Amino acid sequence: MAYDEGLAERIRHYLGAEPGVTEKRMFGGIAFLYRGNMAVGVTGDELMVRVGPDAADAALAQPGARVFDMTGRPMRGWVVVAGSAVTEDEALGGWIDEGRAFAASLPPK
């Protein structure tokens, strides 16, 4: 599955040259990792965000968010956000910040 390179480029631009951020192909798209832990990614034209189990319900209440389920088994603590919900830089930045904050709370890999 191809991924929205425009959305990926917007994420790269937002993150800039922040130390500890790397990219890796995952889930048929591209993932952005912070200190080795996935923070956000792009699959198709949607944004994947790792928010953690404690923040999942609040994240799912946001416009365009749904449970991340690629295999028929929902992944706890992850959400997928419709591309239409992150067309504004402010909305995208909020999701990136949330994913990065959760990744930062984990031990580096």
N, C-alpha and C. Protein backbone atom coordinates (compact mmCIF):
# COMPACT_ATOMS: atom_id res chain seq x y z
N MET A 1 0.85 -1.18 0.00
CA MET A 1 0.00 0.00 0.00
C MET A 1 0.90 1.24 0.00
N ALA A 2 0.62 2.13 -0.86
CA ALA A 2 1.36 3.39 -0.90
C ALA A 2 0.87 4.30 0.23
N TYR A 3 1.69 5.27 0.55
CA TYR A 3 1.29 6.21 1.60
C TYR A 3 1.37 7.63 1.03
N ASP A 4 0.67 8.52 1.67
CA ASP A 4 0.59 9.92 1.26
C ASP A 4 1.92 10.61 1.56
N GLU A 5 2.75 10.76 0.55
CA GLU A 5 4.06 11.38 0.73
C GLU A 5 3.93 12.83 1.16
N GLY A 6 2.88 13.51 0.74
CA GLY A 6 2.66 14.89 1.17
C GLY A 6 2.46 14.98 2.67
N LEU A 7 1.68 14.07 3.23
CA LEU A 7 1.48 14.05 4.68
C LEU A 7 2.79 13.71 5.39
N ALA A 8 3.53 12.74 4.85
CA ALA A 8 4.82 12.39 5.45
C ALA A 8 5.77 13.59 5.43
N GLU A 9 5.77 14.34 4.36
CA GLU A 9 6.64 15.51 4.25
C GLU A 9 6.24 16.59 5.26
N ARG A 10 4.95 16.75 5.49
CA ARG A 10 4.49 17.71 6.50
C ARG A 10 4.97 17.30 7.89
N ILE A 11 4.98 15.99 8.17
CA ILE A 11 5.48 15.50 9.45
C ILE A 11 6.97 15.78 9.55
N ARG A 12 7.72 15.48 8.48
CA ARG A 12 9.17 15.76 8.48
C ARG A 12 9.43 17.24 8.74
N HIS A 13 8.66 18.09 8.11
CA HIS A 13 8.84 19.53 8.27
C HIS A 13 8.55 19.94 9.72
N TYR A 14 7.50 19.40 10.29
CA TYR A 14 7.13 19.74 11.67
C TYR A 14 8.21 19.30 12.65
N LEU A 15 8.73 18.09 12.45
CA LEU A 15 9.73 17.56 13.35
C LEU A 15 11.10 18.20 13.15
N GLY A 16 11.32 18.74 11.95
CA GLY A 16 12.61 19.36 11.65
C GLY A 16 13.73 18.37 11.82
N ALA A 17 14.83 18.83 12.32
CA ALA A 17 16.00 17.97 12.54
C ALA A 17 16.10 17.59 14.00
N GLU A 18 14.98 17.33 14.63
CA GLU A 18 14.97 17.03 16.06
C GLU A 18 15.80 15.77 16.34
N PRO A 19 16.73 15.87 17.29
CA PRO A 19 17.55 14.70 17.64
C PRO A 19 16.67 13.56 18.14
N GLY A 20 17.02 12.36 17.79
CA GLY A 20 16.30 11.19 18.27
C GLY A 20 15.17 10.74 17.36
N VAL A 21 14.86 11.50 16.30
CA VAL A 21 13.78 11.12 15.39
C VAL A 21 14.37 10.38 14.19
N THR A 22 13.79 9.22 13.90
CA THR A 22 14.19 8.44 12.73
C THR A 22 12.93 8.01 11.98
N GLU A 23 13.12 7.57 10.75
CA GLU A 23 12.02 7.07 9.93
C GLU A 23 12.25 5.60 9.63
N LYS A 24 11.14 4.86 9.50
CA LYS A 24 11.22 3.44 9.21
C LYS A 24 9.95 3.02 8.48
N ARG A 25 10.10 2.20 7.46
CA ARG A 25 8.92 1.67 6.78
C ARG A 25 8.23 0.65 7.68
N MET A 26 6.94 0.87 7.91
CA MET A 26 6.15 -0.02 8.78
C MET A 26 4.69 0.03 8.34
N PHE A 27 3.98 -1.05 8.59
CA PHE A 27 2.53 -1.11 8.35
C PHE A 27 2.15 -0.69 6.93
N GLY A 28 3.01 -0.94 5.96
CA GLY A 28 2.72 -0.56 4.58
C GLY A 28 2.84 0.93 4.35
N GLY A 29 3.43 1.64 5.28
CA GLY A 29 3.61 3.08 5.16
C GLY A 29 4.95 3.48 5.73
N ILE A 30 4.98 4.61 6.38
CA ILE A 30 6.21 5.09 6.99
C ILE A 30 5.92 5.52 8.42
N ALA A 31 6.84 5.19 9.31
CA ALA A 31 6.69 5.54 10.71
C ALA A 31 7.80 6.50 11.12
N PHE A 32 7.48 7.36 12.06
CA PHE A 32 8.45 8.29 12.64
C PHE A 32 8.63 7.86 14.09
N LEU A 33 9.85 7.51 14.43
CA LEU A 33 10.17 7.01 15.75
C LEU A 33 10.94 8.06 16.53
N TYR A 34 10.70 8.10 17.83
CA TYR A 34 11.44 8.98 18.71
C TYR A 34 12.20 8.09 19.69
N ARG A 35 13.50 8.17 19.67
CA ARG A 35 14.38 7.34 20.50
C ARG A 35 14.06 5.85 20.33
N GLY A 36 13.71 5.46 19.09
CA GLY A 36 13.44 4.06 18.77
C GLY A 36 12.03 3.60 18.99
N ASN A 37 11.15 4.44 19.51
CA ASN A 37 9.75 4.08 19.75
C ASN A 37 8.86 4.84 18.77
N MET A 38 7.92 4.13 18.15
CA MET A 38 7.05 4.79 17.18
C MET A 38 6.20 5.86 17.86
N ALA A 39 6.14 7.02 17.22
CA ALA A 39 5.32 8.13 17.69
C ALA A 39 4.13 8.31 16.76
N VAL A 40 4.41 8.52 15.48
CA VAL A 40 3.37 8.70 14.47
C VAL A 40 3.81 8.02 13.18
N GLY A 41 2.87 7.88 12.27
CA GLY A 41 3.19 7.32 10.97
C GLY A 41 2.10 7.64 9.97
N VAL A 42 2.35 7.26 8.74
CA VAL A 42 1.39 7.47 7.67
C VAL A 42 1.14 6.14 6.99
N THR A 43 -0.11 5.78 6.87
CA THR A 43 -0.52 4.62 6.10
C THR A 43 -1.66 5.06 5.20
N GLY A 44 -1.51 4.83 3.91
CA GLY A 44 -2.48 5.36 2.97
C GLY A 44 -2.48 6.88 3.08
N ASP A 45 -3.65 7.46 3.27
CA ASP A 45 -3.72 8.92 3.45
C ASP A 45 -4.11 9.27 4.88
N GLU A 46 -3.81 8.36 5.80
CA GLU A 46 -4.20 8.56 7.20
C GLU A 46 -2.97 8.62 8.11
N LEU A 47 -3.17 9.21 9.26
CA LEU A 47 -2.13 9.36 10.26
C LEU A 47 -2.32 8.32 11.36
N MET A 48 -1.26 7.59 11.68
CA MET A 48 -1.27 6.66 12.81
C MET A 48 -0.61 7.40 13.97
N VAL A 49 -1.19 7.27 15.16
CA VAL A 49 -0.63 7.95 16.32
C VAL A 49 -0.62 6.98 17.49
N ARG A 50 0.54 6.89 18.14
CA ARG A 50 0.65 6.07 19.34
C ARG A 50 0.44 6.99 20.53
N VAL A 51 -0.71 6.85 21.18
CA VAL A 51 -1.07 7.75 22.27
C VAL A 51 -0.94 7.09 23.64
N GLY A 52 -0.86 5.78 23.67
CA GLY A 52 -0.79 5.05 24.93
C GLY A 52 -2.18 4.70 25.44
N PRO A 53 -2.28 3.63 26.22
CA PRO A 53 -3.58 3.15 26.70
C PRO A 53 -4.35 4.18 27.53
N ASP A 54 -3.65 4.96 28.33
CA ASP A 54 -4.34 5.91 29.21
C ASP A 54 -4.97 7.08 28.46
N ALA A 55 -4.44 7.41 27.29
CA ALA A 55 -4.95 8.55 26.52
C ALA A 55 -5.85 8.13 25.35
N ALA A 56 -6.04 6.83 25.19
CA ALA A 56 -6.77 6.33 24.03
C ALA A 56 -8.22 6.83 23.95
N ASP A 57 -8.93 6.79 25.04
CA ASP A 57 -10.34 7.21 25.00
C ASP A 57 -10.47 8.68 24.63
N ALA A 58 -9.63 9.52 25.19
CA ALA A 58 -9.67 10.95 24.85
C ALA A 58 -9.30 11.17 23.39
N ALA A 59 -8.32 10.42 22.91
CA ALA A 59 -7.90 10.56 21.52
C ALA A 59 -9.03 10.12 20.58
N LEU A 60 -9.70 9.05 20.93
CA LEU A 60 -10.78 8.54 20.07
C LEU A 60 -11.98 9.48 20.03
N ALA A 61 -12.08 10.38 20.98
CA ALA A 61 -13.18 11.36 20.99
C ALA A 61 -12.89 12.53 20.06
N GLN A 62 -11.68 12.61 19.51
CA GLN A 62 -11.32 13.71 18.61
C GLN A 62 -11.85 13.46 17.21
N PRO A 63 -12.13 14.53 16.45
CA PRO A 63 -12.66 14.38 15.10
C PRO A 63 -11.74 13.56 14.19
N GLY A 64 -12.31 12.59 13.51
CA GLY A 64 -11.59 11.80 12.53
C GLY A 64 -10.80 10.65 13.09
N ALA A 65 -10.78 10.47 14.42
CA ALA A 65 -9.98 9.41 15.04
C ALA A 65 -10.80 8.13 15.18
N ARG A 66 -10.11 7.01 15.00
CA ARG A 66 -10.73 5.70 15.21
C ARG A 66 -9.66 4.74 15.72
N VAL A 67 -10.08 3.59 16.17
CA VAL A 67 -9.18 2.56 16.68
C VAL A 67 -8.27 2.08 15.56
N PHE A 68 -7.01 1.88 15.86
CA PHE A 68 -6.05 1.34 14.90
C PHE A 68 -6.22 -0.16 14.87
N ASP A 69 -6.70 -0.69 13.75
CA ASP A 69 -6.99 -2.11 13.61
C ASP A 69 -6.66 -2.54 12.19
N MET A 70 -5.48 -3.10 12.01
CA MET A 70 -5.08 -3.54 10.67
C MET A 70 -5.24 -5.04 10.49
N THR A 71 -5.34 -5.79 11.58
CA THR A 71 -5.33 -7.25 11.49
C THR A 71 -6.61 -7.89 12.03
N GLY A 72 -7.60 -7.09 12.36
CA GLY A 72 -8.79 -7.63 12.99
C GLY A 72 -8.67 -7.65 14.51
N ARG A 73 -7.51 -7.20 15.00
CA ARG A 73 -7.29 -7.11 16.45
C ARG A 73 -6.88 -5.68 16.76
N PRO A 74 -7.76 -4.91 17.37
CA PRO A 74 -7.44 -3.51 17.68
C PRO A 74 -6.16 -3.40 18.50
N MET A 75 -5.36 -2.41 18.17
CA MET A 75 -4.12 -2.17 18.91
C MET A 75 -4.39 -1.13 19.98
N ARG A 76 -4.31 -1.56 21.21
CA ARG A 76 -4.61 -0.71 22.36
C ARG A 76 -3.58 0.41 22.45
N GLY A 77 -4.06 1.64 22.60
CA GLY A 77 -3.16 2.77 22.75
C GLY A 77 -2.73 3.41 21.44
N TRP A 78 -3.32 2.96 20.34
CA TRP A 78 -3.00 3.51 19.02
C TRP A 78 -4.30 4.00 18.39
N VAL A 79 -4.23 5.06 17.62
CA VAL A 79 -5.39 5.54 16.87
C VAL A 79 -4.96 5.84 15.44
N VAL A 80 -5.93 5.85 14.56
CA VAL A 80 -5.74 6.28 13.18
C VAL A 80 -6.61 7.52 13.01
N VAL A 81 -6.04 8.54 12.40
CA VAL A 81 -6.75 9.80 12.19
C VAL A 81 -6.92 10.01 10.69
N ALA A 82 -8.15 10.24 10.28
CA ALA A 82 -8.44 10.47 8.86
C ALA A 82 -7.62 11.64 8.34
N GLY A 83 -7.13 11.51 7.11
CA GLY A 83 -6.36 12.58 6.51
C GLY A 83 -7.12 13.89 6.47
N SER A 84 -8.43 13.82 6.31
CA SER A 84 -9.24 15.03 6.26
C SER A 84 -9.27 15.77 7.60
N ALA A 85 -8.90 15.09 8.69
CA ALA A 85 -8.90 15.72 10.01
C ALA A 85 -7.56 16.39 10.35
N VAL A 86 -6.56 16.22 9.47
CA VAL A 86 -5.25 16.81 9.74
C VAL A 86 -4.78 17.69 8.57
N THR A 87 -5.73 18.28 7.88
CA THR A 87 -5.35 19.17 6.78
C THR A 87 -4.76 20.48 7.29
N GLU A 88 -5.15 20.88 8.48
CA GLU A 88 -4.60 22.10 9.08
C GLU A 88 -3.33 21.74 9.86
N ASP A 89 -2.30 22.56 9.72
CA ASP A 89 -1.03 22.29 10.39
C ASP A 89 -1.18 22.20 11.91
N GLU A 90 -2.05 23.02 12.47
CA GLU A 90 -2.25 23.01 13.92
C GLU A 90 -2.78 21.65 14.40
N ALA A 91 -3.74 21.09 13.66
CA ALA A 91 -4.29 19.78 14.03
C ALA A 91 -3.23 18.69 13.90
N LEU A 92 -2.49 18.71 12.80
CA LEU A 92 -1.44 17.73 12.60
C LEU A 92 -0.38 17.85 13.70
N GLY A 93 0.03 19.06 14.00
CA GLY A 93 1.04 19.28 15.04
C GLY A 93 0.60 18.76 16.39
N GLY A 94 -0.68 18.93 16.71
CA GLY A 94 -1.19 18.43 17.98
C GLY A 94 -1.07 16.93 18.09
N TRP A 95 -1.40 16.23 17.00
CA TRP A 95 -1.29 14.78 17.00
C TRP A 95 0.18 14.34 17.07
N ILE A 96 1.04 15.02 16.32
CA ILE A 96 2.47 14.68 16.36
C ILE A 96 3.01 14.87 17.78
N ASP A 97 2.65 15.98 18.40
CA ASP A 97 3.11 16.24 19.76
C ASP A 97 2.64 15.16 20.73
N GLU A 98 1.40 14.71 20.55
CA GLU A 98 0.87 13.68 21.44
C GLU A 98 1.61 12.36 21.25
N GLY A 99 1.83 11.98 19.99
CA GLY A 99 2.57 10.75 19.72
C GLY A 99 4.00 10.81 20.22
N ARG A 100 4.65 11.94 20.00
CA ARG A 100 6.03 12.09 20.45
C ARG A 100 6.11 12.08 21.98
N ALA A 101 5.17 12.69 22.64
CA ALA A 101 5.16 12.70 24.11
C ALA A 101 5.04 11.29 24.66
N PHE A 102 4.19 10.47 24.05
CA PHE A 102 4.07 9.10 24.53
C PHE A 102 5.35 8.33 24.26
N ALA A 103 5.90 8.47 23.06
CA ALA A 103 7.15 7.77 22.72
C ALA A 103 8.27 8.20 23.68
N ALA A 104 8.29 9.47 24.06
CA ALA A 104 9.32 9.97 24.98
C ALA A 104 9.16 9.39 26.38
N SER A 105 7.96 8.94 26.72
CA SER A 105 7.73 8.38 28.05
C SER A 105 8.23 6.94 28.17
N LEU A 106 8.62 6.35 27.03
CA LEU A 106 9.09 4.97 27.01
C LEU A 106 10.61 4.92 27.07
N PRO A 107 11.17 3.82 27.55
CA PRO A 107 12.63 3.71 27.54
C PRO A 107 13.15 3.69 26.10
N PRO A 108 14.28 4.35 25.83
CA PRO A 108 14.85 4.34 24.48
C PRO A 108 15.17 2.90 24.06
N LYS A 109 15.06 2.66 22.75
CA LYS A 109 15.41 1.34 22.21
C LYS A 109 16.76 1.41 21.55
